[in-house]
Amino acid sequence: VLKRFRPASRGSAHSIHKTTTHIRIV
């Protein structure tokens, strides 16, 4: 999971989780 932060009000930050996937085909 790529973890990023976006500025929010009053100088705080909200986290953003950018998920990734592994595709497996048998």
PDB file of all heavy atoms in Angstrom:
ATOM      1  N   VAL A   1       0.847  -1.181   0.000  1.00  0.00           N
ATOM      2  CA  VAL A   1       0.000   0.000   0.000  1.00  0.00           C
ATOM      3  C   VAL A   1       0.890   1.242   0.000  1.00  0.00           C
ATOM      4  O   VAL A   1       1.770   1.379   0.856  1.00  0.00           O
ATOM      5  CB  VAL A   1      -0.928   0.009   1.233  1.00  0.00           C
ATOM      6  CG1 VAL A   1      -1.764   1.269   1.271  1.00  0.00           C
ATOM      7  CG2 VAL A   1      -1.814  -1.213   1.233  1.00  0.00           C
ATOM      8  N   LEU A   2       0.654   2.122  -0.970  1.00  0.00           N
ATOM      9  CA  LEU A   2       1.384   3.390  -1.013  1.00  0.00           C
ATOM     10  C   LEU A   2       0.659   4.369  -0.102  1.00  0.00           C
ATOM     11  O   LEU A   2      -0.533   4.619  -0.278  1.00  0.00           O
ATOM     12  CB  LEU A   2       1.425   3.930  -2.442  1.00  0.00           C
ATOM     13  CG  LEU A   2       2.036   3.015  -3.492  1.00  0.00           C
ATOM     14  CD1 LEU A   2       1.856   3.615  -4.881  1.00  0.00           C
ATOM     15  CD2 LEU A   2       3.497   2.796  -3.209  1.00  0.00           C
ATOM     16  N   LYS A   3       1.381   4.935   0.865  1.00  0.00           N
ATOM     17  CA  LYS A   3       0.758   5.843   1.823  1.00  0.00           C
ATOM     18  C   LYS A   3       1.146   7.271   1.487  1.00  0.00           C
ATOM     19  O   LYS A   3       2.323   7.613   1.445  1.00  0.00           O
ATOM     20  CB  LYS A   3       1.176   5.477   3.238  1.00  0.00           C
ATOM     21  CG  LYS A   3       0.648   4.119   3.626  1.00  0.00           C
ATOM     22  CD  LYS A   3       1.150   3.662   4.946  1.00  0.00           C
ATOM     23  CE  LYS A   3       0.607   2.277   5.218  1.00  0.00           C
ATOM     24  NZ  LYS A   3       1.384   1.552   6.199  1.00  0.00           N
ATOM     25  N   ARG A   4       0.131   8.081   1.231  1.00  0.00           N
ATOM     26  CA  ARG A   4       0.334   9.482   0.881  1.00  0.00           C
ATOM     27  C   ARG A   4      -0.474  10.352   1.837  1.00  0.00           C
ATOM     28  O   ARG A   4      -1.409   9.872   2.479  1.00  0.00           O
ATOM     29  CB  ARG A   4      -0.130   9.754  -0.563  1.00  0.00           C
ATOM     30  CG  ARG A   4       0.538   8.897  -1.605  1.00  0.00           C
ATOM     31  CD  ARG A   4       1.998   9.305  -1.763  1.00  0.00           C
ATOM     32  NE  ARG A   4       2.652   8.548  -2.815  1.00  0.00           N
ATOM     33  CZ  ARG A   4       3.455   7.535  -2.602  1.00  0.00           C
ATOM     34  NH1 ARG A   4       3.672   7.099  -1.375  1.00  0.00           N
ATOM     35  NH2 ARG A   4       4.048   6.924  -3.612  1.00  0.00           N
ATOM     36  N   PHE A   5      -0.107  11.631   1.928  1.00  0.00           N
ATOM     37  CA  PHE A   5      -0.819  12.548   2.810  1.00  0.00           C
ATOM     38  C   PHE A   5      -1.267  13.769   2.035  1.00  0.00           C
ATOM     39  O   PHE A   5      -0.543  14.281   1.191  1.00  0.00           O
ATOM     40  CB  PHE A   5       0.070  12.956   3.983  1.00  0.00           C
ATOM     41  CG  PHE A   5       0.406  11.806   4.879  1.00  0.00           C
ATOM     42  CD1 PHE A   5       1.583  11.107   4.722  1.00  0.00           C
ATOM     43  CD2 PHE A   5      -0.482  11.400   5.858  1.00  0.00           C
ATOM     44  CE1 PHE A   5       1.873  10.030   5.529  1.00  0.00           C
ATOM     45  CE2 PHE A   5      -0.188  10.329   6.668  1.00  0.00           C
ATOM     46  CZ  PHE A   5       0.996   9.634   6.502  1.00  0.00           C
ATOM     47  N   ARG A   6      -2.470  14.231   2.330  1.00  0.00           N
ATOM     48  CA  ARG A   6      -3.037  15.406   1.688  1.00  0.00           C
ATOM     49  C   ARG A   6      -3.288  16.460   2.774  1.00  0.00           C
ATOM     50  O   ARG A   6      -3.819  16.130   3.836  1.00  0.00           O
ATOM     51  CB  ARG A   6      -4.343  15.025   1.009  1.00  0.00           C
ATOM     52  CG  ARG A   6      -5.151  16.206   0.557  1.00  0.00           C
ATOM     53  CD  ARG A   6      -6.066  15.864  -0.592  1.00  0.00           C
ATOM     54  NE  ARG A   6      -5.440  16.399  -1.797  1.00  0.00           N
ATOM     55  CZ  ARG A   6      -5.164  15.695  -2.881  1.00  0.00           C
ATOM     56  NH1 ARG A   6      -5.444  14.427  -2.928  1.00  0.00           N
ATOM     57  NH2 ARG A   6      -4.632  16.267  -3.924  1.00  0.00           N
ATOM     58  N   PRO A   7      -2.917  17.691   2.517  1.00  0.00           N
ATOM     59  CA  PRO A   7      -3.168  18.755   3.507  1.00  0.00           C
ATOM     60  C   PRO A   7      -4.657  18.907   3.800  1.00  0.00           C
ATOM     61  O   PRO A   7      -5.491  18.792   2.899  1.00  0.00           O
ATOM     62  CB  PRO A   7      -2.623  20.012   2.835  1.00  0.00           C
ATOM     63  CG  PRO A   7      -1.778  19.547   1.730  1.00  0.00           C
ATOM     64  CD  PRO A   7      -2.252  18.192   1.326  1.00  0.00           C
ATOM     65  N   ALA A   8      -4.969  19.147   5.046  1.00  0.00           N
ATOM     66  CA  ALA A   8      -6.352  19.344   5.457  1.00  0.00           C
ATOM     67  C   ALA A   8      -6.436  20.643   6.259  1.00  0.00           C
ATOM     68  O   ALA A   8      -5.434  21.328   6.474  1.00  0.00           O
ATOM     69  CB  ALA A   8      -6.838  18.159   6.277  1.00  0.00           C
ATOM     70  N   SER A   9      -7.618  20.947   6.704  1.00  0.00           N
ATOM     71  CA  SER A   9      -7.825  22.216   7.397  1.00  0.00           C
ATOM     72  C   SER A   9      -7.087  22.282   8.727  1.00  0.00           C
ATOM     73  O   SER A   9      -6.785  21.255   9.346  1.00  0.00           O
ATOM     74  CB  SER A   9      -9.318  22.424   7.632  1.00  0.00           C
ATOM     75  OG  SER A   9      -9.803  21.404   8.472  1.00  0.00           O
ATOM     76  N   ARG A  10      -6.780  23.476   9.160  1.00  0.00           N
ATOM     77  CA  ARG A  10      -6.118  23.760  10.434  1.00  0.00           C
ATOM     78  C   ARG A  10      -4.740  23.137  10.531  1.00  0.00           C
ATOM     79  O   ARG A  10      -4.308  22.710  11.614  1.00  0.00           O
ATOM     80  CB  ARG A  10      -6.974  23.306  11.599  1.00  0.00           C
ATOM     81  CG  ARG A  10      -8.283  24.027  11.673  1.00  0.00           C
ATOM     82  CD  ARG A  10      -9.085  23.554  12.842  1.00  0.00           C
ATOM     83  NE  ARG A  10     -10.012  24.587  13.241  1.00  0.00           N
ATOM     84  CZ  ARG A  10     -10.631  24.603  14.404  1.00  0.00           C
ATOM     85  NH1 ARG A  10     -10.415  23.644  15.279  1.00  0.00           N
ATOM     86  NH2 ARG A  10     -11.452  25.566  14.696  1.00  0.00           N
ATOM     87  N   GLY A  11      -4.060  22.992   9.402  1.00  0.00           N
ATOM     88  CA  GLY A  11      -2.689  22.501   9.417  1.00  0.00           C
ATOM     89  C   GLY A  11      -2.539  21.006   9.623  1.00  0.00           C
ATOM     90  O   GLY A  11      -1.440  20.524   9.885  1.00  0.00           O
ATOM     91  N   SER A  12      -3.633  20.268   9.550  1.00  0.00           N
ATOM     92  CA  SER A  12      -3.528  18.818   9.742  1.00  0.00           C
ATOM     93  C   SER A  12      -3.366  18.131   8.388  1.00  0.00           C
ATOM     94  O   SER A  12      -3.399  18.780   7.353  1.00  0.00           O
ATOM     95  CB  SER A  12      -4.769  18.287  10.470  1.00  0.00           C
ATOM     96  OG  SER A  12      -5.905  18.475   9.675  1.00  0.00           O
ATOM     97  N   ALA A  13      -3.185  16.840   8.420  1.00  0.00           N
ATOM     98  CA  ALA A  13      -3.031  16.060   7.189  1.00  0.00           C
ATOM     99  C   ALA A  13      -3.898  14.815   7.269  1.00  0.00           C
ATOM    100  O   ALA A  13      -3.998  14.185   8.324  1.00  0.00           O
ATOM    101  CB  ALA A  13      -1.571  15.661   7.005  1.00  0.00           C
ATOM    102  N   HIS A  14      -4.521  14.478   6.152  1.00  0.00           N
ATOM    103  CA  HIS A  14      -5.299  13.249   6.055  1.00  0.00           C
ATOM    104  C   HIS A  14      -4.524  12.247   5.221  1.00  0.00           C
ATOM    105  O   HIS A  14      -3.934  12.604   4.199  1.00  0.00           O
ATOM    106  CB  HIS A  14      -6.659  13.515   5.413  1.00  0.00           C
ATOM    107  CG  HIS A  14      -7.576  14.310   6.278  1.00  0.00           C
ATOM    108  ND1 HIS A  14      -8.682  14.952   5.777  1.00  0.00           N
ATOM    109  CD2 HIS A  14      -7.574  14.572   7.601  1.00  0.00           C
ATOM    110  CE1 HIS A  14      -9.322  15.563   6.763  1.00  0.00           C
ATOM    111  NE2 HIS A  14      -8.653  15.350   7.880  1.00  0.00           N
ATOM    112  N   SER A  15      -4.552  10.998   5.652  1.00  0.00           N
ATOM    113  CA  SER A  15      -3.802   9.975   4.931  1.00  0.00           C
ATOM    114  C   SER A  15      -4.615   9.429   3.766  1.00  0.00           C
ATOM    115  O   SER A  15      -5.834   9.327   3.829  1.00  0.00           O
ATOM    116  CB  SER A  15      -3.403   8.838   5.867  1.00  0.00           C
ATOM    117  OG  SER A  15      -4.545   8.200   6.370  1.00  0.00           O
ATOM    118  N   ILE A  16      -3.915   9.100   2.696  1.00  0.00           N
ATOM    119  CA  ILE A  16      -4.512   8.478   1.518  1.00  0.00           C
ATOM    120  C   ILE A  16      -3.773   7.172   1.284  1.00  0.00           C
ATOM    121  O   ILE A  16      -2.543   7.154   1.241  1.00  0.00           O
ATOM    122  CB  ILE A  16      -4.391   9.387   0.285  1.00  0.00           C
ATOM    123  CG1 ILE A  16      -5.206  10.655   0.502  1.00  0.00           C
ATOM    124  CG2 ILE A  16      -4.850   8.667  -0.967  1.00  0.00           C
ATOM    125  CD1 ILE A  16      -5.039  11.654  -0.599  1.00  0.00           C
ATOM    126  N   HIS A  17      -4.508   6.088   1.173  1.00  0.00           N
ATOM    127  CA  HIS A  17      -3.915   4.779   0.941  1.00  0.00           C
ATOM    128  C   HIS A  17      -4.179   4.368  -0.500  1.00  0.00           C
ATOM    129  O   HIS A  17      -5.326   4.188  -0.899  1.00  0.00           O
ATOM    130  CB  HIS A  17      -4.492   3.732   1.893  1.00  0.00           C
ATOM    131  CG  HIS A  17      -4.231   4.056   3.327  1.00  0.00           C
ATOM    132  ND1 HIS A  17      -2.997   3.887   3.906  1.00  0.00           N
ATOM    133  CD2 HIS A  17      -5.031   4.564   4.294  1.00  0.00           C
ATOM    134  CE1 HIS A  17      -3.047   4.264   5.166  1.00  0.00           C
ATOM    135  NE2 HIS A  17      -4.277   4.685   5.438  1.00  0.00           N
ATOM    136  N   LYS A  18      -3.121   4.227  -1.274  1.00  0.00           N
ATOM    137  CA  LYS A  18      -3.241   3.800  -2.660  1.00  0.00           C
ATOM    138  C   LYS A  18      -2.879   2.318  -2.714  1.00  0.00           C
ATOM    139  O   LYS A  18      -1.719   1.948  -2.620  1.00  0.00           O
ATOM    140  CB  LYS A  18      -2.308   4.617  -3.558  1.00  0.00           C
ATOM    141  CG  LYS A  18      -2.660   6.092  -3.548  1.00  0.00           C
ATOM    142  CD  LYS A  18      -1.836   6.854  -4.530  1.00  0.00           C
ATOM    143  CE  LYS A  18      -2.298   8.293  -4.589  1.00  0.00           C
ATOM    144  NZ  LYS A  18      -1.685   9.010  -5.705  1.00  0.00           N
ATOM    145  N   THR A  19      -3.909   1.489  -2.858  1.00  0.00           N
ATOM    146  CA  THR A  19      -3.707   0.044  -2.790  1.00  0.00           C
ATOM    147  C   THR A  19      -3.191  -0.504  -4.115  1.00  0.00           C
ATOM    148  O   THR A  19      -3.476   0.030  -5.179  1.00  0.00           O
ATOM    149  CB  THR A  19      -5.007  -0.681  -2.424  1.00  0.00           C
ATOM    150  OG1 THR A  19      -5.989  -0.368  -3.406  1.00  0.00           O
ATOM    151  CG2 THR A  19      -5.495  -0.247  -1.058  1.00  0.00           C
ATOM    152  N   THR A  20      -2.438  -1.585  -4.009  1.00  0.00           N
ATOM    153  CA  THR A  20      -1.954  -2.284  -5.196  1.00  0.00           C
ATOM    154  C   THR A  20      -2.368  -3.745  -5.098  1.00  0.00           C
ATOM    155  O   THR A  20      -2.743  -4.237  -4.034  1.00  0.00           O
ATOM    156  CB  THR A  20      -0.425  -2.182  -5.344  1.00  0.00           C
ATOM    157  OG1 THR A  20       0.188  -2.772  -4.216  1.00  0.00           O
ATOM    158  CG2 THR A  20       0.021  -0.743  -5.485  1.00  0.00           C
ATOM    159  N   THR A  21      -2.278  -4.435  -6.227  1.00  0.00           N
ATOM    160  CA  THR A  21      -2.762  -5.810  -6.336  1.00  0.00           C
ATOM    161  C   THR A  21      -1.749  -6.659  -7.081  1.00  0.00           C
ATOM    162  O   THR A  21      -1.073  -6.180  -7.987  1.00  0.00           O
ATOM    163  CB  THR A  21      -4.093  -5.813  -7.119  1.00  0.00           C
ATOM    164  OG1 THR A  21      -5.022  -4.985  -6.444  1.00  0.00           O
ATOM    165  CG2 THR A  21      -4.670  -7.197  -7.248  1.00  0.00           C
ATOM    166  N   HIS A  22      -1.664  -7.912  -6.694  1.00  0.00           N
ATOM    167  CA  HIS A  22      -0.925  -8.909  -7.457  1.00  0.00           C
ATOM    168  C   HIS A  22      -1.955  -9.830  -8.116  1.00  0.00           C
ATOM    169  O   HIS A  22      -2.795 -10.402  -7.437  1.00  0.00           O
ATOM    170  CB  HIS A  22      -0.007  -9.748  -6.572  1.00  0.00           C
ATOM    171  CG  HIS A  22       1.003  -8.956  -5.801  1.00  0.00           C
ATOM    172  ND1 HIS A  22       1.676  -7.880  -6.322  1.00  0.00           N
ATOM    173  CD2 HIS A  22       1.460  -9.097  -4.530  1.00  0.00           C
ATOM    174  CE1 HIS A  22       2.511  -7.398  -5.416  1.00  0.00           C
ATOM    175  NE2 HIS A  22       2.381  -8.114  -4.314  1.00  0.00           N
ATOM    176  N   ILE A  23      -1.886  -9.961  -9.438  1.00  0.00           N
ATOM    177  CA  ILE A  23      -2.819 -10.821 -10.181  1.00  0.00           C
ATOM    178  C   ILE A  23      -2.141 -12.158 -10.438  1.00  0.00           C
ATOM    179  O   ILE A  23      -1.073 -12.206 -11.034  1.00  0.00           O
ATOM    180  CB  ILE A  23      -3.194 -10.178 -11.532  1.00  0.00           C
ATOM    181  CG1 ILE A  23      -3.865  -8.830 -11.316  1.00  0.00           C
ATOM    182  CG2 ILE A  23      -4.102 -11.098 -12.331  1.00  0.00           C
ATOM    183  CD1 ILE A  23      -4.033  -8.038 -12.578  1.00  0.00           C
ATOM    184  N   ARG A  24      -2.752 -13.242  -9.979  1.00  0.00           N
ATOM    185  CA  ARG A  24      -2.207 -14.580 -10.185  1.00  0.00           C
ATOM    186  C   ARG A  24      -3.242 -15.434 -10.918  1.00  0.00           C
ATOM    187  O   ARG A  24      -4.380 -15.553 -10.480  1.00  0.00           O
ATOM    188  CB  ARG A  24      -1.844 -15.238  -8.862  1.00  0.00           C
ATOM    189  CG  ARG A  24      -1.206 -16.602  -9.009  1.00  0.00           C
ATOM    190  CD  ARG A  24      -0.944 -17.236  -7.652  1.00  0.00           C
ATOM    191  NE  ARG A  24      -0.186 -16.371  -6.788  1.00  0.00           N
ATOM    192  CZ  ARG A  24       1.165 -16.367  -6.711  1.00  0.00           C
ATOM    193  NH1 ARG A  24       1.850 -17.168  -7.467  1.00  0.00           N
ATOM    194  NH2 ARG A  24       1.775 -15.569  -5.868  1.00  0.00           N
ATOM    195  N   ILE A  25      -2.810 -16.027 -12.040  1.00  0.00           N
ATOM    196  CA  ILE A  25      -3.682 -16.898 -12.828  1.00  0.00           C
ATOM    197  C   ILE A  25      -2.992 -18.245 -12.987  1.00  0.00           C
ATOM    198  O   ILE A  25      -1.837 -18.304 -13.417  1.00  0.00           O
ATOM    199  CB  ILE A  25      -3.988 -16.282 -14.201  1.00  0.00           C
ATOM    200  CG1 ILE A  25      -4.777 -14.988 -14.011  1.00  0.00           C
ATOM    201  CG2 ILE A  25      -4.754 -17.253 -15.068  1.00  0.00           C
ATOM    202  CD1 ILE A  25      -5.100 -14.274 -15.286  1.00  0.00           C
ATOM    203  N   VAL A  26      -3.691 -19.305 -12.619  1.00  0.00           N
ATOM    204  CA  VAL A  26      -3.163 -20.666 -12.734  1.00  0.00           C
ATOM    205  C   VAL A  26      -4.006 -21.408 -13.764  1.00  0.00           C
ATOM    206  O   VAL A  26      -5.233 -21.476 -13.636  1.00  0.00           O
ATOM    207  CB  VAL A  26      -3.198 -21.399 -11.378  1.00  0.00           C
ATOM    208  CG1 VAL A  26      -2.668 -22.810 -11.522  1.00  0.00           C
ATOM    209  CG2 VAL A  26      -2.408 -20.636 -10.333  1.00  0.00           C
TER     210      VAL A  26
END
